[in-house]
Protein backbone atom coordinates (compact mmCIF):
# COMPACT_ATOMS: atom_id res chain seq x y z
CA UNK A 1 0.08 -0.05 0.11
CA UNK A 2 1.45 2.74 -1.07
CA UNK A 3 2.38 6.17 1.33
CA UNK A 4 2.70 9.03 -0.80
CA UNK A 5 0.66 11.48 -0.06
CA UNK A 6 -2.86 12.01 -2.30
CA UNK A 7 -1.95 15.17 -3.82
CA UNK A 8 1.61 14.33 -4.84
CA UNK A 9 -0.04 11.07 -6.24
CA UNK A 10 -1.54 12.96 -8.32
CA UNK A 11 0.81 15.04 -8.84
CA UNK A 12 3.28 12.17 -10.36
CA UNK A 13 0.84 10.47 -12.26
CA UNK A 14 -0.68 13.78 -14.53
CA UNK A 15 3.12 14.47 -14.80
CA UNK A 16 3.64 10.93 -16.58
CA UNK A 17 0.48 11.43 -18.68
CA UNK A 18 2.25 14.45 -20.38
CA UNK A 19 4.95 12.71 -20.97
CA UNK A 20 3.36 10.33 -22.82
CA UNK A 21 1.07 11.97 -24.90
CA UNK A 22 0.08 9.90 -28.34
CA UNK A 23 0.42 12.05 -31.36
CA UNK A 24 -2.99 13.07 -33.14
CA UNK A 25 -4.17 12.40 -36.75
CA UNK A 26 -4.18 15.56 -37.08
CA UNK A 27 -1.25 17.15 -35.43
CA UNK A 28 -1.65 20.66 -33.12
CA UNK A 29 0.94 22.40 -35.44
CA UNK A 30 3.21 21.68 -37.77
CA UNK A 31 6.74 21.40 -36.98
CA UNK A 32 8.40 23.54 -38.91
CA UNK A 33 12.77 24.29 -37.31
CA UNK A 34 14.93 22.36 -36.72
CA UNK A 35 14.11 19.32 -39.32
CA UNK A 36 14.18 16.31 -38.82
CA UNK A 37 17.37 15.16 -38.81
CA UNK A 38 19.44 18.53 -38.83
CA UNK A 39 23.39 18.76 -38.22
CA UNK A 40 24.24 21.66 -36.79
CA UNK A 41 26.55 23.28 -34.05
CA UNK A 42 24.65 25.80 -32.37
CA UNK A 43 23.91 24.57 -28.88
CA UNK A 44 20.86 26.81 -29.08
CA UNK A 45 18.59 25.71 -32.11
CA UNK A 46 15.26 27.90 -33.06
CA UNK A 47 12.75 25.90 -33.21
CA UNK A 48 9.59 26.99 -35.16
CA UNK A 49 6.82 25.46 -35.75
CA UNK A 50 2.75 26.68 -37.79
CA UNK A 51 -0.62 26.38 -35.99
CA UNK A 52 -2.95 24.86 -37.46
CA UNK A 53 -6.65 26.03 -37.21
CA UNK A 54 -8.12 25.90 -33.80
CA UNK A 55 -4.70 24.39 -31.97
CA UNK A 56 -3.55 25.71 -28.90
CA UNK A 57 0.08 24.82 -28.03
CA UNK A 58 0.96 24.26 -24.23
CA UNK A 59 4.13 23.24 -24.22
CA UNK A 60 7.24 22.00 -26.47
CA UNK A 61 9.11 18.91 -24.80
CA UNK A 62 13.03 18.74 -25.56
CA UNK A 63 14.87 15.58 -24.54
CA UNK A 64 17.65 13.50 -25.40
CA UNK A 65 16.02 10.17 -25.20
CA UNK A 66 12.28 8.55 -25.88
CA UNK A 67 10.47 5.17 -24.42
CA UNK A 68 11.18 2.14 -26.71
CA UNK A 69 9.08 2.00 -29.47
CA UNK A 70 10.00 6.13 -29.51
CA UNK A 71 6.29 6.99 -28.01
CA UNK A 72 7.91 8.98 -25.20
CA UNK A 73 9.72 11.20 -24.33
CA UNK A 74 12.25 10.52 -21.19
CA UNK A 75 14.19 12.87 -18.79
CA UNK A 76 13.36 16.27 -20.95
CA UNK A 77 15.92 18.65 -20.80
CA UNK A 78 13.46 21.31 -21.33
CA UNK A 79 9.72 21.36 -20.61
CA UNK A 80 8.41 25.14 -21.76
CA UNK A 81 5.42 26.48 -21.29
CA UNK A 82 3.71 27.98 -24.39
CA UNK A 83 0.96 30.90 -24.86
CA UNK A 84 -1.71 30.32 -27.04
CA UNK A 85 -0.40 31.87 -29.88
CA UNK A 86 2.99 31.21 -29.82
CA UNK A 87 4.87 29.82 -32.65
CA UNK A 88 9.00 29.95 -31.80
CA UNK A 89 10.88 29.14 -29.14
CA UNK A 90 15.11 29.11 -28.42
CA UNK A 91 16.56 28.51 -25.58
CA UNK A 92 17.50 31.31 -22.54
CA UNK A 93 21.46 30.85 -22.67
CA UNK A 94 21.42 29.27 -18.74
CA UNK A 95 19.23 26.45 -20.65
CA UNK A 96 21.67 25.33 -23.98
CA UNK A 97 21.96 22.32 -25.15
CA UNK A 98 25.14 19.66 -25.09
CA UNK A 99 26.26 18.02 -28.19
CA UNK A 100 24.56 14.72 -29.76
CA UNK A 101 20.96 13.49 -30.26
CA UNK A 102 18.53 15.44 -28.88
CA UNK A 103 14.16 14.97 -29.96
CA UNK A 104 11.67 17.69 -29.89
CA UNK A 105 7.66 18.12 -29.58
CA UNK A 106 4.85 19.97 -29.51
CA UNK A 107 1.85 19.41 -27.54
CA UNK A 108 -1.28 21.64 -26.73
CA UNK A 109 -4.91 21.08 -27.65
CA UNK A 110 -6.96 20.46 -31.07
CA UNK A 111 -10.07 22.73 -31.66
CA UNK A 112 -11.94 19.88 -30.18
CA UNK A 113 -10.33 20.76 -27.24
CA UNK A 114 -8.34 16.90 -27.11
CA UNK A 115 -4.87 17.18 -26.33
CA UNK A 116 -2.29 16.02 -28.93
CA UNK A 117 1.09 16.40 -30.03
CA UNK A 118 3.13 16.36 -32.66
CA UNK A 119 5.59 13.47 -34.23
CA UNK A 120 9.18 13.65 -32.80
CA UNK A 121 11.56 15.08 -34.75
CA UNK A 122 15.02 14.24 -33.83
CA UNK A 123 18.14 16.81 -34.73
CA UNK A 124 22.43 16.20 -33.65
CA UNK A 125 24.05 19.00 -32.10
CA UNK A 126 27.63 18.74 -33.20
CA UNK A 127 31.04 18.16 -30.99
CA UNK A 128 32.12 22.05 -31.18
CA UNK A 129 35.38 22.45 -29.03
CA UNK A 130 37.27 25.99 -28.74
CA UNK A 131 40.82 26.54 -27.79
CA UNK A 132 41.00 27.04 -23.61
CA UNK A 133 41.19 30.65 -22.17
CA UNK A 134 44.87 30.43 -20.51
CA UNK A 135 45.84 33.23 -17.70
CA UNK A 136 49.05 32.67 -15.97
CA UNK A 137 50.91 35.23 -14.18
CA UNK A 138 55.12 34.14 -12.84
CA UNK A 139 57.00 35.56 -10.03
CA UNK A 140 59.55 34.47 -7.89
CA UNK A 141 57.18 33.17 -5.11
CA UNK A 142 55.61 30.50 -7.83
CA UNK A 143 52.80 30.47 -10.32
CA UNK A 144 49.67 31.11 -10.56
CA UNK A 145 46.45 31.04 -13.10
CA UNK A 146 43.44 29.77 -14.82
CA UNK A 147 42.01 28.11 -17.16
CA UNK A 148 37.98 28.32 -19.10
CA UNK A 149 36.49 25.45 -20.89
CA UNK A 150 35.01 26.49 -24.15
CA UNK A 151 33.21 23.40 -25.06
CA UNK A 152 29.44 22.27 -25.80
CA UNK A 153 30.31 18.48 -24.72
CA UNK A 154 29.43 18.18 -21.34
CA UNK A 155 32.53 15.95 -19.67
CA UNK A 156 36.33 17.17 -20.35
CA UNK A 157 39.21 15.99 -18.95
CA UNK A 158 41.91 18.36 -18.28
CA UNK A 159 45.65 18.44 -16.85
CA UNK A 160 47.70 21.22 -16.37
CA UNK A 161 51.74 20.98 -16.32
CA UNK A 162 53.87 24.01 -14.86
CA UNK A 163 57.94 23.88 -15.70
CA UNK A 164 60.02 26.52 -13.34
CA UNK A 165 63.01 25.47 -15.76
CA UNK A 166 63.86 22.48 -15.69
CA UNK A 167 61.95 21.24 -12.64
CA UNK A 168 58.42 19.89 -13.71
CA UNK A 169 56.51 21.80 -10.52
CA UNK A 170 52.84 21.02 -11.56
CA UNK A 171 51.44 17.94 -13.27
CA UNK A 172 47.74 17.71 -12.00
CA UNK A 173 44.22 16.04 -14.11
CA UNK A 174 41.23 16.54 -13.02
CA UNK A 175 37.41 16.31 -15.00
CA UNK A 176 35.48 19.69 -15.56
CA UNK A 177 31.48 19.32 -15.68
CA UNK A 178 29.02 21.94 -16.30
CA UNK A 179 25.02 21.89 -15.72
CA UNK A 180 25.05 23.15 -19.58
CA UNK A 181 26.41 23.57 -22.34
CA UNK A 182 26.78 27.55 -21.83
CA UNK A 183 30.61 28.12 -23.79
CA UNK A 184 30.79 31.45 -21.87
CA UNK A 185 30.63 31.16 -18.80
CA UNK A 186 32.61 28.46 -17.94
CA UNK A 187 33.84 28.86 -14.36
CA UNK A 188 37.43 29.35 -14.20
CA UNK A 189 39.68 26.27 -12.55
CA UNK A 190 42.23 28.10 -10.82
CA UNK A 191 46.05 26.52 -10.58
CA UNK A 192 49.20 27.24 -8.50
CA UNK A 193 52.62 25.97 -8.09
CA UNK A 194 54.54 27.44 -5.30
CA UNK A 195 58.63 26.15 -5.19
CA UNK A 196 60.07 25.79 -0.97
CA UNK A 197 63.38 28.42 -2.53
CA UNK A 198 62.15 31.43 -4.41
CA UNK A 199 62.64 31.03 -8.26
CA UNK A 200 65.66 32.79 -9.76
CA UNK A 201 64.93 36.55 -12.22
CA UNK A 202 65.41 35.18 -15.54
CA UNK A 203 63.60 31.76 -14.94
CA UNK A 204 61.74 30.03 -18.28
CA UNK A 205 57.77 29.04 -16.84
CA UNK A 206 56.18 26.92 -19.45
CA UNK A 207 52.27 26.38 -18.78
CA UNK A 208 50.97 23.63 -21.19
CA UNK A 209 46.95 22.75 -20.44
CA UNK A 210 45.47 20.21 -22.11
CA UNK A 211 41.50 19.39 -22.97
CA UNK A 212 39.64 16.39 -24.06
CA UNK A 213 36.64 16.55 -25.04
CA UNK A 214 34.96 13.42 -26.25
CA UNK A 215 37.70 12.55 -29.13
CA UNK A 216 39.04 16.19 -29.43
CA UNK A 217 42.07 17.59 -28.39
CA UNK A 218 42.86 20.93 -27.48
CA UNK A 219 45.99 22.99 -26.11
CA UNK A 220 47.54 25.90 -25.07
CA UNK A 221 50.58 26.97 -24.42
CA UNK A 222 52.13 30.00 -22.25
CA UNK A 223 55.46 30.90 -21.46
CA UNK A 224 56.93 33.92 -19.72
CA UNK A 225 59.93 34.86 -17.50
CA UNK A 226 59.90 35.38 -14.45
CA UNK A 227 61.22 38.80 -12.89
């Protein structure tokens, strides 16, 4: 016997019913873009559709997976409520999509008031990895710096190496993960290396940062002389 409160159970059932709305014989709207099978590098694709007479769109769903047989979306990344006359949507900066395969559809009501949904459409966001942004400061007391990741891939492996003269001072690796693929808002990952003895003036310090995002590798090198 379930111990969930009745109002929570009703809410969960309502959400499941919304995700599993079948496609109607006469669709609520006519999907326009992204066209089915589109491949793009944009993490903020523009979704557009045409309204059919008497139809009212209520929600746009975007997800990375569907149920077996494609009867409903699973784990929708975006569920956007729509206004009755809305025919366009673009994800906000904080809701950009990762690279990979995505599905989308529009849910609403027909002119008779019956629930209906468009058929699923799919599109692919291609991988995009830009050079990392590296900032480094070298003094006699050590090396400090930060690196910003620029990619639409969710997980990236980062390696930071610092060589002060002939001695390696740092060789550190970590995984950078973002909740959303926001290309221009990656947090700066900070690093430092302070040797036990001061660095002699004139010493050349090399900082090498390597980013591995999927099968793409980007590397940036910074060299400067300690004054």
